[in-house]
Amino acid sequence: MDEQDMAMFAVFNEIGIINQLGSTLFQARLPDGLQVPHFAVLNHLVRLGDGRTPLSIASAFQVPKTTMTHTLAGLEKRGLITMEPNPTDGRSKVVRLTETGRAARAAAIATMAAPIARIRADLGDEVIFALLPQLQTLRQFLDQNRDP
C-alpha cells in the first residue's frame, strides 16, 4: 500500500471507531430497551418513507433477511411498526411506522441533546458543519457503488 492507500484506510478506520463510540454513546441513552438497530430502522423509515418490504430494508442495511425479520419483529412487538400485506405482491409484507414509532424515534434523538451540545461546545460548529457535506458525499458514493 502506498501513502494514499494508507490514508484511505485511515479514513475508514476513523469512521469505524467513530461508529463504535457513537453507537455505544447512543445505546446507553435509548429508551425502553430499544437497540441501535431498532432505531436505525425507525430512522430509515422516517428518512425514506415507510411502506417498504422487509427484503428492501435488509438490502439497504446489507444484512440477511432473517436478521432484519428479527429486528422488525422486535419493533412490531413494541408497537413501533406494523407489518401489512403488500398490496402489489401478496407473498410479501410492507412495513409501516406507527405514531408510537415516530414518537420513539423523536424521543431517542432527544436523548442525545446533552452529548450533542457538549460535542458542539468542545469542537465548535465549524468542525461539524465542515465535516457533514464531505461525509454525505462519501456515503452517497459508497451507497451508489455497493459490491453485488
N, C-alpha and C. Protein backbone atom coordinates (compact mmCIF):
# COMPACT_ATOMS: atom_id res chain seq x y z
N MET A 1 0.84 -1.20 0.00
CA MET A 1 0.00 0.00 0.00
C MET A 1 0.88 1.25 0.00
N ASP A 2 0.50 2.18 -0.84
CA ASP A 2 1.25 3.43 -0.85
C ASP A 2 0.62 4.40 0.17
N GLU A 3 1.18 5.57 0.25
CA GLU A 3 0.74 6.57 1.25
C GLU A 3 -0.73 6.95 1.08
N GLN A 4 -1.18 7.11 -0.16
CA GLN A 4 -2.58 7.47 -0.41
C GLN A 4 -3.53 6.34 0.00
N ASP A 5 -3.14 5.10 -0.27
CA ASP A 5 -3.95 3.97 0.14
C ASP A 5 -4.02 3.89 1.67
N MET A 6 -2.92 4.15 2.32
CA MET A 6 -2.91 4.14 3.79
C MET A 6 -3.80 5.26 4.34
N ALA A 7 -3.80 6.39 3.66
CA ALA A 7 -4.67 7.49 4.08
C ALA A 7 -6.14 7.09 3.95
N MET A 8 -6.48 6.42 2.85
CA MET A 8 -7.86 5.94 2.67
C MET A 8 -8.23 4.94 3.77
N PHE A 9 -7.30 4.03 4.07
CA PHE A 9 -7.54 3.09 5.15
C PHE A 9 -7.77 3.84 6.45
N ALA A 10 -6.96 4.87 6.71
CA ALA A 10 -7.09 5.65 7.94
C ALA A 10 -8.46 6.32 8.02
N VAL A 11 -8.98 6.80 6.88
CA VAL A 11 -10.31 7.42 6.86
C VAL A 11 -11.36 6.40 7.31
N PHE A 12 -11.34 5.21 6.71
CA PHE A 12 -12.32 4.19 7.06
C PHE A 12 -12.11 3.67 8.49
N ASN A 13 -10.88 3.62 8.93
CA ASN A 13 -10.59 3.21 10.31
C ASN A 13 -11.20 4.22 11.29
N GLU A 14 -11.02 5.50 11.01
CA GLU A 14 -11.60 6.54 11.88
C GLU A 14 -13.12 6.47 11.88
N ILE A 15 -13.72 6.28 10.70
CA ILE A 15 -15.17 6.16 10.62
C ILE A 15 -15.66 4.98 11.46
N GLY A 16 -14.96 3.85 11.37
CA GLY A 16 -15.33 2.67 12.16
C GLY A 16 -15.25 2.93 13.65
N ILE A 17 -14.20 3.59 14.09
CA ILE A 17 -14.05 3.90 15.51
C ILE A 17 -15.12 4.89 15.95
N ILE A 18 -15.37 5.90 15.14
CA ILE A 18 -16.42 6.87 15.45
C ILE A 18 -17.78 6.17 15.54
N ASN A 19 -18.04 5.25 14.62
CA ASN A 19 -19.29 4.49 14.65
C ASN A 19 -19.42 3.72 15.96
N GLN A 20 -18.36 3.04 16.37
CA GLN A 20 -18.40 2.26 17.61
C GLN A 20 -18.63 3.17 18.82
N LEU A 21 -17.88 4.25 18.89
CA LEU A 21 -18.03 5.17 20.03
C LEU A 21 -19.42 5.82 20.04
N GLY A 22 -19.87 6.25 18.87
CA GLY A 22 -21.19 6.88 18.78
C GLY A 22 -22.31 5.91 19.10
N SER A 23 -22.21 4.68 18.60
CA SER A 23 -23.25 3.67 18.88
C SER A 23 -23.32 3.35 20.36
N THR A 24 -22.17 3.24 21.00
CA THR A 24 -22.15 2.96 22.44
C THR A 24 -22.76 4.11 23.22
N LEU A 25 -22.41 5.34 22.86
CA LEU A 25 -22.97 6.53 23.50
C LEU A 25 -24.49 6.56 23.33
N PHE A 26 -24.95 6.30 22.12
CA PHE A 26 -26.37 6.33 21.81
C PHE A 26 -27.11 5.20 22.51
N GLN A 27 -26.55 3.98 22.46
CA GLN A 27 -27.20 2.81 23.07
C GLN A 27 -27.47 3.04 24.55
N ALA A 28 -26.54 3.67 25.23
CA ALA A 28 -26.69 3.92 26.66
C ALA A 28 -27.86 4.86 26.98
N ARG A 29 -28.33 5.60 25.99
CA ARG A 29 -29.39 6.58 26.22
C ARG A 29 -30.73 6.20 25.60
N LEU A 30 -30.77 5.13 24.83
CA LEU A 30 -32.02 4.76 24.17
C LEU A 30 -33.06 4.31 25.20
N PRO A 31 -34.30 4.73 25.02
CA PRO A 31 -35.36 4.39 25.98
C PRO A 31 -35.95 3.00 25.77
N ASP A 32 -36.54 2.48 26.82
CA ASP A 32 -37.39 1.27 26.77
C ASP A 32 -36.76 0.06 26.10
N GLY A 33 -35.51 -0.19 26.34
CA GLY A 33 -34.88 -1.37 25.77
C GLY A 33 -34.69 -1.32 24.27
N LEU A 34 -34.88 -0.17 23.67
CA LEU A 34 -34.66 -0.01 22.23
C LEU A 34 -33.18 -0.19 21.96
N GLN A 35 -32.86 -0.87 20.88
CA GLN A 35 -31.47 -1.10 20.49
C GLN A 35 -31.12 -0.21 19.31
N VAL A 36 -29.84 0.02 19.09
CA VAL A 36 -29.40 0.85 17.96
C VAL A 36 -29.95 0.33 16.63
N PRO A 37 -29.94 -1.00 16.37
CA PRO A 37 -30.53 -1.46 15.11
C PRO A 37 -32.02 -1.13 14.98
N HIS A 38 -32.75 -1.16 16.10
CA HIS A 38 -34.17 -0.77 16.07
C HIS A 38 -34.29 0.70 15.67
N PHE A 39 -33.50 1.55 16.32
CA PHE A 39 -33.54 2.97 16.00
C PHE A 39 -33.17 3.18 14.53
N ALA A 40 -32.17 2.47 14.06
CA ALA A 40 -31.72 2.65 12.68
C ALA A 40 -32.85 2.37 11.69
N VAL A 41 -33.66 1.35 11.96
CA VAL A 41 -34.79 1.05 11.08
C VAL A 41 -35.84 2.14 11.17
N LEU A 42 -36.16 2.58 12.38
CA LEU A 42 -37.13 3.68 12.54
C LEU A 42 -36.65 4.91 11.78
N ASN A 43 -35.39 5.23 11.94
CA ASN A 43 -34.81 6.40 11.28
C ASN A 43 -34.85 6.24 9.75
N HIS A 44 -34.54 5.05 9.28
CA HIS A 44 -34.58 4.75 7.84
C HIS A 44 -35.99 4.98 7.29
N LEU A 45 -36.99 4.50 8.01
CA LEU A 45 -38.37 4.64 7.55
C LEU A 45 -38.84 6.09 7.58
N VAL A 46 -38.37 6.86 8.54
CA VAL A 46 -38.72 8.29 8.57
C VAL A 46 -38.02 9.01 7.42
N ARG A 47 -36.75 8.71 7.24
CA ARG A 47 -35.96 9.38 6.19
C ARG A 47 -36.47 9.09 4.79
N LEU A 48 -36.74 7.81 4.50
CA LEU A 48 -37.06 7.41 3.14
C LEU A 48 -38.53 7.07 2.91
N GLY A 49 -39.30 7.06 3.97
CA GLY A 49 -40.73 6.75 3.86
C GLY A 49 -40.99 5.29 4.15
N ASP A 50 -42.15 5.03 4.73
CA ASP A 50 -42.46 3.64 5.05
C ASP A 50 -43.19 2.99 3.88
N GLY A 51 -43.69 1.78 4.10
CA GLY A 51 -44.29 1.02 3.02
C GLY A 51 -43.27 0.18 2.27
N ARG A 52 -42.12 -0.02 2.87
CA ARG A 52 -41.04 -0.82 2.25
C ARG A 52 -41.15 -2.27 2.71
N THR A 53 -40.63 -3.16 1.89
CA THR A 53 -40.65 -4.58 2.25
C THR A 53 -39.49 -4.89 3.19
N PRO A 54 -39.64 -5.94 3.99
CA PRO A 54 -38.51 -6.36 4.83
C PRO A 54 -37.25 -6.64 4.00
N LEU A 55 -37.42 -7.22 2.81
CA LEU A 55 -36.26 -7.51 1.97
C LEU A 55 -35.56 -6.23 1.51
N SER A 56 -36.33 -5.21 1.16
CA SER A 56 -35.69 -3.96 0.72
C SER A 56 -34.98 -3.27 1.88
N ILE A 57 -35.54 -3.39 3.08
CA ILE A 57 -34.89 -2.80 4.25
C ILE A 57 -33.61 -3.58 4.57
N ALA A 58 -33.68 -4.90 4.52
CA ALA A 58 -32.48 -5.73 4.75
C ALA A 58 -31.40 -5.38 3.73
N SER A 59 -31.80 -5.19 2.49
CA SER A 59 -30.84 -4.82 1.45
C SER A 59 -30.21 -3.47 1.74
N ALA A 60 -31.01 -2.51 2.17
CA ALA A 60 -30.48 -1.18 2.49
C ALA A 60 -29.46 -1.25 3.61
N PHE A 61 -29.68 -2.12 4.59
CA PHE A 61 -28.77 -2.25 5.71
C PHE A 61 -27.68 -3.29 5.46
N GLN A 62 -27.77 -3.97 4.33
CA GLN A 62 -26.81 -5.00 3.96
C GLN A 62 -26.68 -6.08 5.04
N VAL A 63 -27.85 -6.55 5.48
CA VAL A 63 -27.91 -7.65 6.45
C VAL A 63 -28.80 -8.74 5.87
N PRO A 64 -28.66 -9.98 6.35
CA PRO A 64 -29.54 -11.04 5.87
C PRO A 64 -31.01 -10.74 6.21
N LYS A 65 -31.91 -11.23 5.37
CA LYS A 65 -33.34 -11.00 5.60
C LYS A 65 -33.76 -11.55 6.97
N THR A 66 -33.17 -12.67 7.41
CA THR A 66 -33.53 -13.24 8.71
C THR A 66 -33.17 -12.30 9.85
N THR A 67 -32.04 -11.64 9.72
CA THR A 67 -31.63 -10.66 10.73
C THR A 67 -32.62 -9.50 10.78
N MET A 68 -33.00 -9.00 9.60
CA MET A 68 -33.95 -7.90 9.55
C MET A 68 -35.32 -8.34 10.06
N THR A 69 -35.73 -9.55 9.74
CA THR A 69 -37.01 -10.06 10.22
C THR A 69 -37.05 -10.05 11.74
N HIS A 70 -35.95 -10.43 12.36
CA HIS A 70 -35.85 -10.43 13.83
C HIS A 70 -35.96 -9.00 14.38
N THR A 71 -35.25 -8.07 13.74
CA THR A 71 -35.31 -6.66 14.16
C THR A 71 -36.72 -6.12 14.01
N LEU A 72 -37.35 -6.41 12.88
CA LEU A 72 -38.71 -5.92 12.64
C LEU A 72 -39.70 -6.53 13.62
N ALA A 73 -39.51 -7.79 13.97
CA ALA A 73 -40.39 -8.44 14.95
C ALA A 73 -40.32 -7.72 16.30
N GLY A 74 -39.11 -7.32 16.69
CA GLY A 74 -38.96 -6.57 17.94
C GLY A 74 -39.66 -5.23 17.89
N LEU A 75 -39.58 -4.56 16.75
CA LEU A 75 -40.26 -3.27 16.58
C LEU A 75 -41.77 -3.44 16.58
N GLU A 76 -42.24 -4.50 15.92
CA GLU A 76 -43.68 -4.75 15.86
C GLU A 76 -44.23 -5.10 17.25
N LYS A 77 -43.48 -5.90 17.99
CA LYS A 77 -43.90 -6.29 19.34
C LYS A 77 -44.07 -5.06 20.24
N ARG A 78 -43.23 -4.06 20.04
CA ARG A 78 -43.31 -2.82 20.83
C ARG A 78 -44.35 -1.84 20.28
N GLY A 79 -44.99 -2.19 19.16
CA GLY A 79 -46.00 -1.32 18.57
C GLY A 79 -45.41 -0.13 17.82
N LEU A 80 -44.13 -0.25 17.41
CA LEU A 80 -43.46 0.86 16.73
C LEU A 80 -43.65 0.81 15.21
N ILE A 81 -43.96 -0.38 14.71
CA ILE A 81 -44.25 -0.57 13.29
C ILE A 81 -45.43 -1.52 13.17
N THR A 82 -46.00 -1.56 11.98
CA THR A 82 -46.95 -2.62 11.64
C THR A 82 -46.42 -3.32 10.39
N MET A 83 -46.77 -4.58 10.27
CA MET A 83 -46.44 -5.37 9.09
C MET A 83 -47.78 -5.67 8.42
N GLU A 84 -47.93 -5.18 7.20
CA GLU A 84 -49.19 -5.33 6.48
C GLU A 84 -48.95 -6.10 5.18
N PRO A 85 -49.99 -6.75 4.66
CA PRO A 85 -49.82 -7.40 3.36
C PRO A 85 -49.42 -6.39 2.29
N ASN A 86 -48.53 -6.81 1.42
CA ASN A 86 -48.09 -5.96 0.33
C ASN A 86 -49.21 -5.89 -0.71
N PRO A 87 -49.72 -4.69 -1.00
CA PRO A 87 -50.83 -4.59 -1.95
C PRO A 87 -50.45 -4.97 -3.38
N THR A 88 -49.15 -4.95 -3.71
CA THR A 88 -48.74 -5.28 -5.07
C THR A 88 -48.18 -6.69 -5.20
N ASP A 89 -47.89 -7.34 -4.06
CA ASP A 89 -47.33 -8.69 -4.07
C ASP A 89 -47.81 -9.41 -2.82
N GLY A 90 -48.80 -10.23 -2.96
CA GLY A 90 -49.41 -10.91 -1.82
C GLY A 90 -48.48 -11.83 -1.06
N ARG A 91 -47.31 -12.13 -1.62
CA ARG A 91 -46.37 -13.02 -0.95
C ARG A 91 -45.52 -12.31 0.09
N SER A 92 -45.50 -10.98 0.04
CA SER A 92 -44.64 -10.25 0.97
C SER A 92 -45.47 -9.27 1.80
N LYS A 93 -44.78 -8.60 2.68
CA LYS A 93 -45.40 -7.62 3.55
C LYS A 93 -44.74 -6.27 3.33
N VAL A 94 -45.39 -5.24 3.85
CA VAL A 94 -44.78 -3.91 3.87
C VAL A 94 -44.74 -3.44 5.32
N VAL A 95 -43.74 -2.64 5.60
CA VAL A 95 -43.51 -2.13 6.95
C VAL A 95 -44.01 -0.69 7.01
N ARG A 96 -44.80 -0.40 8.02
CA ARG A 96 -45.30 0.96 8.22
C ARG A 96 -45.01 1.40 9.64
N LEU A 97 -44.56 2.64 9.76
CA LEU A 97 -44.34 3.23 11.08
C LEU A 97 -45.68 3.55 11.73
N THR A 98 -45.74 3.36 13.04
CA THR A 98 -46.90 3.81 13.79
C THR A 98 -46.56 5.18 14.38
N GLU A 99 -47.56 5.86 14.89
CA GLU A 99 -47.29 7.13 15.57
C GLU A 99 -46.39 6.89 16.78
N THR A 100 -46.56 5.76 17.44
CA THR A 100 -45.69 5.40 18.57
C THR A 100 -44.24 5.25 18.09
N GLY A 101 -44.06 4.68 16.90
CA GLY A 101 -42.73 4.52 16.33
C GLY A 101 -42.08 5.86 16.01
N ARG A 102 -42.87 6.77 15.44
CA ARG A 102 -42.35 8.11 15.15
C ARG A 102 -41.96 8.82 16.45
N ALA A 103 -42.80 8.66 17.47
CA ALA A 103 -42.52 9.29 18.77
C ALA A 103 -41.28 8.68 19.42
N ALA A 104 -41.11 7.36 19.28
CA ALA A 104 -39.93 6.69 19.85
C ALA A 104 -38.65 7.19 19.17
N ARG A 105 -38.70 7.39 17.86
CA ARG A 105 -37.54 7.93 17.15
C ARG A 105 -37.22 9.32 17.66
N ALA A 106 -38.24 10.16 17.77
CA ALA A 106 -38.03 11.53 18.26
C ALA A 106 -37.48 11.53 19.68
N ALA A 107 -38.00 10.64 20.53
CA ALA A 107 -37.52 10.56 21.91
C ALA A 107 -36.07 10.10 21.95
N ALA A 108 -35.73 9.15 21.09
CA ALA A 108 -34.34 8.67 21.04
C ALA A 108 -33.40 9.79 20.63
N ILE A 109 -33.79 10.55 19.64
CA ILE A 109 -32.96 11.68 19.20
C ILE A 109 -32.82 12.69 20.32
N ALA A 110 -33.90 12.93 21.04
CA ALA A 110 -33.87 13.90 22.14
C ALA A 110 -32.91 13.48 23.26
N THR A 111 -32.72 12.17 23.44
CA THR A 111 -31.81 11.71 24.49
C THR A 111 -30.36 12.09 24.20
N MET A 112 -30.09 12.44 22.96
CA MET A 112 -28.73 12.80 22.57
C MET A 112 -28.47 14.31 22.67
N ALA A 113 -29.44 15.07 23.16
CA ALA A 113 -29.29 16.52 23.22
C ALA A 113 -28.06 16.94 24.04
N ALA A 114 -27.88 16.36 25.22
CA ALA A 114 -26.75 16.76 26.06
C ALA A 114 -25.40 16.37 25.44
N PRO A 115 -25.24 15.12 24.97
CA PRO A 115 -23.96 14.80 24.33
C PRO A 115 -23.69 15.64 23.08
N ILE A 116 -24.72 15.91 22.30
CA ILE A 116 -24.55 16.74 21.11
C ILE A 116 -24.14 18.16 21.49
N ALA A 117 -24.76 18.69 22.53
CA ALA A 117 -24.40 20.04 22.98
C ALA A 117 -22.95 20.09 23.44
N ARG A 118 -22.51 19.04 24.11
CA ARG A 118 -21.12 19.01 24.57
C ARG A 118 -20.14 18.93 23.40
N ILE A 119 -20.47 18.09 22.42
CA ILE A 119 -19.61 17.97 21.23
C ILE A 119 -19.53 19.31 20.52
N ARG A 120 -20.67 19.97 20.34
CA ARG A 120 -20.69 21.27 19.67
C ARG A 120 -19.88 22.30 20.45
N ALA A 121 -20.04 22.29 21.77
CA ALA A 121 -19.32 23.26 22.60
C ALA A 121 -17.81 23.01 22.55
N ASP A 122 -17.41 21.74 22.60
CA ASP A 122 -15.99 21.42 22.65
C ASP A 122 -15.30 21.51 21.28
N LEU A 123 -15.98 21.07 20.23
CA LEU A 123 -15.36 21.06 18.90
C LEU A 123 -15.69 22.30 18.07
N GLY A 124 -16.86 22.87 18.32
CA GLY A 124 -17.29 24.03 17.55
C GLY A 124 -18.10 23.63 16.33
N ASP A 125 -19.06 24.45 16.02
CA ASP A 125 -19.92 24.19 14.87
C ASP A 125 -19.13 24.14 13.56
N GLU A 126 -18.06 24.92 13.48
CA GLU A 126 -17.29 24.95 12.24
C GLU A 126 -16.78 23.57 11.86
N VAL A 127 -16.29 22.81 12.84
CA VAL A 127 -15.77 21.48 12.58
C VAL A 127 -16.88 20.56 12.09
N ILE A 128 -17.99 20.58 12.82
CA ILE A 128 -19.11 19.69 12.49
C ILE A 128 -19.68 20.04 11.12
N PHE A 129 -19.94 21.31 10.89
CA PHE A 129 -20.57 21.72 9.63
C PHE A 129 -19.62 21.56 8.44
N ALA A 130 -18.32 21.58 8.68
CA ALA A 130 -17.36 21.33 7.59
C ALA A 130 -17.33 19.84 7.24
N LEU A 131 -17.50 18.98 8.24
CA LEU A 131 -17.46 17.54 8.01
C LEU A 131 -18.70 17.02 7.29
N LEU A 132 -19.85 17.56 7.61
CA LEU A 132 -21.11 16.99 7.13
C LEU A 132 -21.18 16.83 5.61
N PRO A 133 -20.92 17.84 4.81
CA PRO A 133 -21.02 17.62 3.36
C PRO A 133 -20.02 16.58 2.84
N GLN A 134 -18.85 16.54 3.44
CA GLN A 134 -17.85 15.56 3.00
C GLN A 134 -18.29 14.14 3.35
N LEU A 135 -18.84 13.97 4.54
CA LEU A 135 -19.33 12.65 4.94
C LEU A 135 -20.52 12.23 4.07
N GLN A 136 -21.40 13.19 3.75
CA GLN A 136 -22.53 12.87 2.88
C GLN A 136 -22.06 12.45 1.50
N THR A 137 -21.05 13.12 0.97
CA THR A 137 -20.51 12.76 -0.34
C THR A 137 -19.94 11.35 -0.31
N LEU A 138 -19.18 11.01 0.72
CA LEU A 138 -18.60 9.68 0.84
C LEU A 138 -19.70 8.63 0.98
N ARG A 139 -20.70 8.90 1.81
CA ARG A 139 -21.81 7.96 1.99
C ARG A 139 -22.56 7.74 0.68
N GLN A 140 -22.84 8.81 -0.03
CA GLN A 140 -23.56 8.69 -1.30
C GLN A 140 -22.75 7.87 -2.30
N PHE A 141 -21.47 8.11 -2.37
CA PHE A 141 -20.62 7.34 -3.28
C PHE A 141 -20.66 5.86 -2.93
N LEU A 142 -20.46 5.55 -1.66
CA LEU A 142 -20.45 4.15 -1.22
C LEU A 142 -21.82 3.49 -1.47
N ASP A 143 -22.88 4.23 -1.20
CA ASP A 143 -24.22 3.69 -1.39
C ASP A 143 -24.48 3.39 -2.87
N GLN A 144 -24.02 4.24 -3.75
CA GLN A 144 -24.23 4.06 -5.19
C GLN A 144 -23.29 3.03 -5.81
N ASN A 145 -22.25 2.66 -5.08
CA ASN A 145 -21.25 1.74 -5.61
C ASN A 145 -21.07 0.51 -4.72
N ARG A 146 -22.18 0.00 -4.22
CA ARG A 146 -22.12 -1.19 -3.37
C ARG A 146 -21.62 -2.38 -4.17
N ASP A 147 -20.87 -3.23 -3.49
CA ASP A 147 -20.48 -4.51 -4.12
C ASP A 147 -21.71 -5.37 -4.25
N PRO A 148 -21.83 -6.13 -5.35
CA PRO A 148 -23.00 -7.01 -5.51
C PRO A 148 -23.00 -8.13 -4.49
